[in-house]
C-alpha atoms as a PDB file:
ATOM      1  CA  MET A   1     303.811  44.514  31.607  1.00  0.00           C
ATOM      2  CA  LYS A   2     300.157  44.405  30.687  1.00  0.00           C
ATOM      3  CA  LEU A   3     298.151  41.977  32.812  1.00  0.00           C
ATOM      4  CA  ASN A   4     296.226  39.620  30.612  1.00  0.00           C
ATOM      5  CA  LYS A   5     293.815  36.804  31.317  1.00  0.00           C
ATOM      6  CA  HIS A   6     296.396  34.099  30.573  1.00  0.00           C
ATOM      7  CA  PHE A   7     298.927  35.629  32.983  1.00  0.00           C
ATOM      8  CA  LEU A   8     296.311  35.864  35.748  1.00  0.00           C
ATOM      9  CA  ILE A   9     295.223  32.243  35.216  1.00  0.00           C
ATOM     10  CA  VAL A  10     298.794  30.920  35.207  1.00  0.00           C
ATOM     11  CA  SER A  11     299.772  32.982  38.246  1.00  0.00           C
ATOM     12  CA  GLY A  12     296.559  32.112  40.111  1.00  0.00           C
ATOM     13  CA  VAL A  13     296.887  28.372  39.527  1.00  0.00           C
ATOM     14  CA  THR A  14     300.564  28.523  40.447  1.00  0.00           C
ATOM     15  CA  PHE A  15     299.695  30.416  43.637  1.00  0.00           C
ATOM     16  CA  GLY A  16     297.128  27.788  44.616  1.00  0.00           C
ATOM     17  CA  VAL A  17     299.527  24.886  44.063  1.00  0.00           C
ATOM     18  CA  PHE A  18     302.504  26.632  45.708  1.00  0.00           C
ATOM     19  CA  PHE A  19     300.422  27.743  48.703  1.00  0.00           C
ATOM     20  CA  VAL A  20     299.146  24.221  49.372  1.00  0.00           C
ATOM     21  CA  GLU A  21     302.742  22.997  49.055  1.00  0.00           C
ATOM     22  CA  ALA A  22     303.891  25.697  51.506  1.00  0.00           C
ATOM     23  CA  LEU A  23     301.245  24.608  54.020  1.00  0.00           C
ATOM     24  CA  ILE A  24     302.303  20.977  53.650  1.00  0.00           C
ATOM     25  CA  HIS A  25     305.943  21.932  54.265  1.00  0.00           C
ATOM     26  CA  TYR A  26     304.902  24.082  57.242  1.00  0.00           C
ATOM     27  CA  ASN A  27     303.012  21.208  58.833  1.00  0.00           C
ATOM     28  CA  TYR A  28     305.758  18.716  58.024  1.00  0.00           C
ATOM     29  CA  GLY A  29     308.248  21.029  59.734  1.00  0.00           C
ATOM     30  CA  ILE A  30     306.065  21.079  62.841  1.00  0.00           C
ATOM     31  CA  LEU A  31     306.040  17.263  62.892  1.00  0.00           C
ATOM     32  CA  GLU A  32     309.823  17.177  62.478  1.00  0.00           C
ATOM     33  CA  SER A  33     310.356  19.715  65.267  1.00  0.00           C
ATOM     34  CA  LYS A  34     308.247  17.543  67.606  1.00  0.00           C
ATOM     35  CA  ASP A  35     310.243  14.476  66.478  1.00  0.00           C
ATOM     36  CA  MET A  36     307.008  12.840  65.333  1.00  0.00           C
ATOM     37  CA  LYS A  37     306.862  10.306  62.515  1.00  0.00           C
ATOM     38  CA  PHE A  38     305.081  11.311  59.338  1.00  0.00           C
ATOM     39  CA  ASN A  39     301.947   9.460  58.332  1.00  0.00           C
ATOM     40  CA  TRP A  40     298.946  10.879  56.535  1.00  0.00           C
ATOM     41  CA  GLU A  41     296.489  10.111  59.348  1.00  0.00           C
ATOM     42  CA  THR A  42     298.489  11.999  61.982  1.00  0.00           C
ATOM     43  CA  PHE A  43     299.421  14.666  59.456  1.00  0.00           C
ATOM     44  CA  LEU A  44     295.804  15.448  58.607  1.00  0.00           C
ATOM     45  CA  GLU A  45     294.622  15.256  62.234  1.00  0.00           C
ATOM     46  CA  ASP A  46     297.237  17.790  63.376  1.00  0.00           C
ATOM     47  CA  TRP A  47     296.887  20.059  60.310  1.00  0.00           C
ATOM     48  CA  THR A  48     297.302  23.725  61.161  1.00  0.00           C
ATOM     49  CA  ILE A  49     297.483  27.014  59.302  1.00  0.00           C
ATOM     50  CA  PRO A  50     299.895  29.695  60.478  1.00  0.00           C
ATOM     51  CA  LYS A  51     298.323  32.790  61.983  1.00  0.00           C
ATOM     52  CA  GLY A  52     298.896  36.512  61.618  1.00  0.00           C
ATOM     53  CA  LYS A  53     302.286  37.646  60.373  1.00  0.00           C
ATOM     54  CA  SER A  54     303.464  34.098  59.685  1.00  0.00           C
ATOM     55  CA  LEU A  55     300.559  33.515  57.299  1.00  0.00           C
ATOM     56  CA  ALA A  56     301.123  36.919  55.659  1.00  0.00           C
ATOM     57  CA  LYS A  57     304.824  36.190  55.164  1.00  0.00           C
ATOM     58  CA  MET A  58     304.092  32.770  53.685  1.00  0.00           C
ATOM     59  CA  ALA A  59     301.455  34.201  51.343  1.00  0.00           C
ATOM     60  CA  THR A  60     303.804  37.021  50.273  1.00  0.00           C
ATOM     61  CA  ILE A  61     306.566  34.571  49.397  1.00  0.00           C
ATOM     62  CA  VAL A  62     304.121  32.468  47.386  1.00  0.00           C
ATOM     63  CA  VAL A  63     302.660  35.532  45.611  1.00  0.00           C
ATOM     64  CA  VAL A  64     306.144  36.654  44.556  1.00  0.00           C
ATOM     65  CA  ALA A  65     307.079  33.156  43.347  1.00  0.00           C
ATOM     66  CA  SER A  66     303.764  32.788  41.481  1.00  0.00           C
ATOM     67  CA  THR A  67     304.138  36.183  39.811  1.00  0.00           C
ATOM     68  CA  LEU A  68     307.696  35.374  38.731  1.00  0.00           C
ATOM     69  CA  SER A  69     306.518  32.030  37.408  1.00  0.00           C
ATOM     70  CA  GLY A  70     303.739  33.720  35.411  1.00  0.00           C
ATOM     71  CA  MET A  71     306.195  36.276  33.988  1.00  0.00           C
ATOM     72  CA  ILE A  72     308.697  33.594  32.993  1.00  0.00           C
ATOM     73  CA  ILE A  73     305.983  31.471  31.377  1.00  0.00           C
ATOM     74  CA  ASN A  74     304.771  34.509  29.376  1.00  0.00           C
ATOM     75  CA  LYS A  75     308.337  35.251  28.183  1.00  0.00           C
ATOM     76  CA  VAL A  76     308.950  31.644  27.195  1.00  0.00           C
ATOM     77  CA  GLU A  77     305.632  31.403  25.341  1.00  0.00           C
ATOM     78  CA  ALA A  78     306.332  34.690  23.535  1.00  0.00           C
ATOM     79  CA  SER A  79     309.706  33.444  22.338  1.00  0.00           C
ATOM     80  CA  VAL A  80     308.404  30.127  20.995  1.00  0.00           C
END
């Protein structure tokens, strides 16, 4: 598959949105594991980003999902 500008834009935007979502889920999971109630003030105060291998694994999952999303969008657009 030839990488084109449209594919890179779609995949890049998808990566950004999915990665922010992954970080939100990560932080929400931390709150749940500590049996803390969710509210935006506490959530933002305790915000954390995984380190090392955990961050790499999360980013890899999001890169794969974003790439698949970009490929599917290209196929759908080509068939329309």
